[in-house]
Amino acid sequence: MQSTRSSIIYSVAFIIGSAILGYFLQSSVERFRSYERTITVKGLSEHEVPADTAIWPIQFSVISNDLSDLYKQLETQQEIVKQFLIENNFTEQEISASTPTINDKKAQNYGSFNPNDTRFTANQTFTVYSEKINTVLDAQKRLLELGKKGLVLNGNNYQNQTQFLYSGLNEIKPQMIEDATQKAREVAEKFAADSNSQLGKIKQARQGQFSITDRDSNTPYIKQVRVVSTIEYYLID
């Protein structure tokens, strides 16, 4: 009789315990599932900044049938270009000159050289490396002065295009990351409100690569810096 009562008590206790355990397990699973509801959003930050460095190549050509005359022309035109740059407020430290390249058409044509063609051509490049962006832009408007002095400028190929650079990315990175994160959170909060949820903590965040591009083809000296942050948030009912 004693054994039967004990068995009944143990059975009832087991049933009650199982029910309580099941309740807590179900509640825990539901809470776990609620934490696993997430939303992934992106935040964009864009800043326009002025370029702070210019690399400006100036290439000119001279031709002659006499090599000695060719070098004399080069020396004369080198001095003209250098003087032009100094008069336009560049220092000698900002100006560099490459080694001239000399082409001999007679040597290249292997006996088929036309005597009516000019035999020698020389190309010379001066490069201005300066942080004075406005000075570069102003001087470029006066390049016609070199043409009036007999210089043949080569400015149509890609190698002779002016490069405008921006080197201050590290100074604006923190603010841009903060802006991108804030914009991502605003999107997430709007989504949470629309779905009758609350925004939880960040599950994970990924910062995209910073990009620096010209604002447009007409103003390469104005740069657009861009970054996109991707953030995943928990949603709470």
Protein backbone atom coordinates (compact mmCIF):
# COMPACT_ATOMS: atom_id res chain seq x y z
CA MET A 1 0.00 0.00 0.00
CA GLN A 2 2.84 2.31 0.95
CA SER A 3 4.58 1.52 -2.33
CA THR A 4 1.45 2.26 -4.35
CA ARG A 5 1.03 5.69 -2.73
CA SER A 6 4.66 6.54 -3.36
CA SER A 7 4.31 5.57 -7.00
CA ILE A 8 1.26 7.77 -7.37
CA ILE A 9 3.02 10.71 -5.71
CA TYR A 10 6.07 10.26 -7.89
CA SER A 11 3.92 10.05 -11.03
CA VAL A 12 1.97 13.19 -10.16
CA ALA A 13 5.17 15.03 -9.32
CA PHE A 14 6.71 13.89 -12.59
CA ILE A 15 3.70 15.07 -14.57
CA ILE A 16 3.64 18.44 -12.82
CA GLY A 17 7.41 18.81 -13.21
CA SER A 18 7.25 17.92 -16.89
CA ALA A 19 4.48 20.46 -17.44
CA ILE A 20 6.45 23.20 -15.67
CA LEU A 21 9.61 22.30 -17.56
CA GLY A 22 7.72 22.27 -20.84
CA TYR A 23 6.29 25.71 -20.09
CA PHE A 24 9.69 27.20 -19.39
CA LEU A 25 11.24 25.49 -22.39
CA GLN A 26 8.52 26.82 -24.67
CA SER A 27 8.87 30.29 -23.18
CA SER A 28 12.64 30.16 -23.64
CA VAL A 29 12.29 29.03 -27.26
CA GLU A 30 9.82 31.81 -27.97
CA ARG A 31 12.17 34.37 -26.43
CA PHE A 32 15.09 32.91 -28.39
CA ARG A 33 13.12 33.09 -31.61
CA SER A 34 12.17 36.69 -30.90
CA TYR A 35 15.88 37.56 -30.62
CA GLU A 36 16.55 35.85 -33.92
CA ARG A 37 14.27 38.23 -35.83
CA THR A 38 16.60 40.63 -37.59
CA ILE A 39 16.63 43.33 -40.22
CA THR A 40 19.56 44.33 -42.42
CA VAL A 41 19.79 47.94 -43.57
CA LYS A 42 22.32 50.14 -45.36
CA GLY A 43 23.40 53.66 -44.51
CA LEU A 44 25.03 55.95 -47.09
CA SER A 45 27.27 58.90 -46.32
CA GLU A 46 28.52 61.24 -49.07
CA HIS A 47 30.74 64.30 -48.71
CA GLU A 48 31.98 66.76 -51.32
CA VAL A 49 35.52 67.96 -50.68
CA PRO A 50 38.00 70.07 -52.65
CA ALA A 51 41.10 68.35 -54.01
CA ASP A 52 44.26 69.28 -52.14
CA THR A 53 46.96 68.20 -54.61
CA ALA A 54 47.37 68.69 -58.36
CA ILE A 55 49.70 66.83 -60.72
CA TRP A 56 49.82 68.84 -63.94
CA PRO A 57 51.93 67.59 -66.87
CA ILE A 58 52.81 70.00 -69.68
CA GLN A 59 54.20 68.22 -72.74
CA PHE A 60 55.49 69.95 -75.85
CA SER A 61 57.12 68.79 -79.09
CA VAL A 62 59.80 70.15 -81.39
CA ILE A 63 60.83 68.91 -84.83
CA SER A 64 63.90 69.38 -86.99
CA ASN A 65 66.01 67.69 -89.66
CA ASP A 66 69.15 68.63 -87.76
CA LEU A 67 69.84 67.05 -84.38
CA SER A 68 71.86 69.99 -83.06
CA ASP A 69 69.07 72.38 -83.98
CA LEU A 70 66.57 70.07 -82.29
CA TYR A 71 68.43 70.29 -78.98
CA LYS A 72 68.73 74.07 -79.27
CA GLN A 73 64.96 74.32 -79.74
CA LEU A 74 64.45 72.08 -76.73
CA GLU A 75 66.64 74.24 -74.51
CA THR A 76 64.85 77.40 -75.63
CA GLN A 77 61.39 75.98 -75.06
CA GLN A 78 62.35 74.43 -71.73
CA GLU A 79 63.30 77.88 -70.51
CA ILE A 80 60.04 79.36 -71.84
CA VAL A 81 57.93 76.78 -69.99
CA LYS A 82 59.90 77.13 -66.79
CA GLN A 83 59.64 80.91 -66.88
CA PHE A 84 55.90 80.69 -67.59
CA LEU A 85 55.37 78.52 -64.51
CA ILE A 86 57.46 80.73 -62.23
CA GLU A 87 55.57 83.81 -63.44
CA ASN A 88 52.35 81.99 -62.50
CA ASN A 89 53.45 81.61 -58.87
CA PHE A 90 54.98 78.13 -58.85
CA THR A 91 58.27 77.50 -57.12
CA GLU A 92 61.15 75.55 -58.61
CA GLN A 93 60.52 72.84 -56.01
CA GLU A 94 57.05 72.31 -57.51
CA ILE A 95 58.41 71.92 -61.06
CA SER A 96 60.19 68.89 -62.50
CA ALA A 97 61.29 68.01 -66.02
CA SER A 98 61.51 64.57 -67.57
CA THR A 99 64.26 63.38 -69.87
CA PRO A 100 63.39 64.33 -73.46
CA THR A 101 62.50 61.52 -75.86
CA ILE A 102 63.98 61.75 -79.36
CA ASN A 103 62.49 59.92 -82.33
CA ASP A 104 64.43 59.41 -85.57
CA LYS A 105 62.03 58.55 -88.39
CA LYS A 106 64.85 57.55 -90.68
CA ALA A 107 66.08 54.94 -88.21
CA GLN A 108 62.55 53.61 -87.66
CA ASN A 109 61.55 53.25 -91.32
CA TYR A 110 64.46 50.95 -92.26
CA GLY A 111 65.33 52.55 -95.59
CA SER A 112 61.83 53.71 -96.55
CA PHE A 113 62.23 57.18 -95.06
CA ASN A 114 60.68 59.93 -97.17
CA PRO A 115 63.19 62.82 -97.58
CA ASN A 116 60.27 65.27 -97.49
CA ASP A 117 59.40 64.20 -93.93
CA THR A 118 60.94 65.87 -90.92
CA ARG A 119 63.47 63.43 -89.54
CA PHE A 120 63.71 64.21 -85.80
CA THR A 121 60.94 64.72 -83.23
CA ALA A 122 61.50 65.46 -79.55
CA ASN A 123 58.96 65.36 -76.70
CA GLN A 124 59.56 67.05 -73.37
CA THR A 125 57.32 67.01 -70.27
CA PHE A 126 57.33 69.42 -67.37
CA THR A 127 55.27 68.35 -64.35
CA VAL A 128 53.85 70.62 -61.69
CA TYR A 129 53.19 68.92 -58.35
CA SER A 130 51.44 71.43 -56.15
CA GLU A 131 48.90 71.86 -53.36
CA LYS A 132 47.85 75.23 -54.82
CA ILE A 133 44.78 74.06 -56.70
CA ASN A 134 43.47 77.50 -57.64
CA THR A 135 46.91 78.54 -58.89
CA VAL A 136 46.98 75.49 -61.18
CA LEU A 137 43.49 76.24 -62.51
CA ASP A 138 44.39 79.88 -63.18
CA ALA A 139 47.64 78.96 -64.93
CA GLN A 140 45.91 76.43 -67.17
CA LYS A 141 43.72 79.23 -68.50
CA ARG A 142 46.87 81.02 -69.67
CA LEU A 143 48.38 78.14 -71.66
CA LEU A 144 47.59 80.05 -74.84
CA GLU A 145 50.56 82.25 -73.99
CA LEU A 146 52.88 79.29 -74.60
CA GLY A 147 51.26 78.64 -77.96
CA LYS A 148 51.86 82.25 -78.95
CA LYS A 149 55.56 81.73 -78.16
CA GLY A 150 55.81 78.85 -80.63
CA LEU A 151 55.27 75.83 -78.38
CA VAL A 152 53.34 72.85 -79.71
CA LEU A 153 51.53 71.44 -76.68
CA ASN A 154 50.40 67.81 -76.51
CA GLY A 155 47.38 67.76 -74.26
CA ASN A 156 44.87 65.39 -75.79
CA ASN A 157 46.15 62.03 -74.61
CA TYR A 158 45.39 60.39 -71.27
CA GLN A 159 48.96 60.60 -69.97
CA ASN A 160 48.90 64.40 -70.15
CA GLN A 161 45.69 64.92 -68.20
CA THR A 162 45.88 66.78 -64.91
CA GLN A 163 45.27 64.67 -61.82
CA PHE A 164 43.54 66.17 -58.81
CA LEU A 165 43.94 64.22 -55.59
CA TYR A 166 42.43 64.32 -52.10
CA SER A 167 44.57 63.15 -49.20
CA GLY A 168 42.43 64.09 -46.19
CA LEU A 169 40.35 60.93 -45.98
CA ASN A 170 41.55 59.97 -42.49
CA GLU A 171 40.29 63.29 -41.10
CA ILE A 172 36.70 62.83 -42.32
CA LYS A 173 36.41 59.04 -41.90
CA PRO A 174 35.05 59.06 -38.30
CA GLN A 175 32.31 61.58 -39.09
CA MET A 176 31.29 59.78 -42.28
CA ILE A 177 31.08 56.42 -40.49
CA GLU A 178 28.93 58.03 -37.80
CA ASP A 179 26.66 59.57 -40.46
CA ALA A 180 26.28 56.26 -42.31
CA THR A 181 25.49 54.42 -39.07
CA GLN A 182 22.90 57.01 -38.07
CA LYS A 183 21.17 56.86 -41.44
CA ALA A 184 21.08 53.06 -41.28
CA ARG A 185 19.50 53.23 -37.82
CA GLU A 186 16.85 55.68 -39.04
CA VAL A 187 15.84 53.23 -41.77
CA ALA A 188 15.78 50.34 -39.30
CA GLU A 189 13.66 52.27 -36.78
CA LYS A 190 11.13 53.13 -39.48
CA PHE A 191 10.89 49.48 -40.49
CA ALA A 192 10.50 48.36 -36.88
CA ALA A 193 7.72 50.88 -36.27
CA ASP A 194 5.89 49.82 -39.44
CA SER A 195 6.05 46.16 -38.35
CA ASN A 196 4.90 46.89 -34.77
CA SER A 197 8.29 45.89 -33.39
CA GLN A 198 11.05 47.53 -31.45
CA LEU A 199 14.61 47.88 -32.64
CA GLY A 200 17.09 45.83 -30.66
CA LYS A 201 20.84 45.73 -30.51
CA ILE A 202 23.19 45.44 -33.46
CA LYS A 203 23.86 41.83 -34.43
CA GLN A 204 26.65 42.65 -36.85
CA ALA A 205 27.94 45.59 -38.85
CA ARG A 206 30.03 45.83 -41.99
CA GLN A 207 31.73 48.98 -43.17
CA GLY A 208 32.10 49.28 -46.92
CA GLN A 209 35.10 50.63 -48.78
CA PHE A 210 35.56 54.39 -49.03
CA SER A 211 35.56 55.66 -52.61
CA ILE A 212 36.86 58.99 -53.90
CA THR A 213 35.66 60.06 -57.35
CA ASP A 214 35.34 63.26 -59.37
CA ARG A 215 32.06 65.01 -58.73
CA ASP A 216 31.69 65.25 -62.52
CA SER A 217 33.86 65.37 -65.63
CA ASN A 218 33.91 69.19 -65.69
CA THR A 219 35.13 69.70 -62.12
CA PRO A 220 37.73 67.00 -61.37
CA TYR A 221 39.14 69.27 -58.64
CA ILE A 222 35.98 68.67 -56.57
CA LYS A 223 35.82 65.15 -55.13
CA GLN A 224 32.94 63.05 -53.87
CA VAL A 225 33.80 60.76 -50.96
CA ARG A 226 31.34 57.91 -50.40
CA VAL A 227 30.90 55.02 -47.95
CA VAL A 228 28.07 52.55 -47.30
CA SER A 229 27.66 50.79 -43.95
CA THR A 230 25.61 47.57 -43.72
CA ILE A 231 24.12 46.88 -40.28
CA GLU A 232 21.98 44.01 -39.04
CA TYR A 233 19.69 44.73 -36.05
CA TYR A 234 17.62 42.48 -33.83
CA LEU A 235 13.86 43.07 -33.82
CA ILE A 236 11.90 42.69 -30.56
CA ASP A 237 8.12 42.27 -30.35
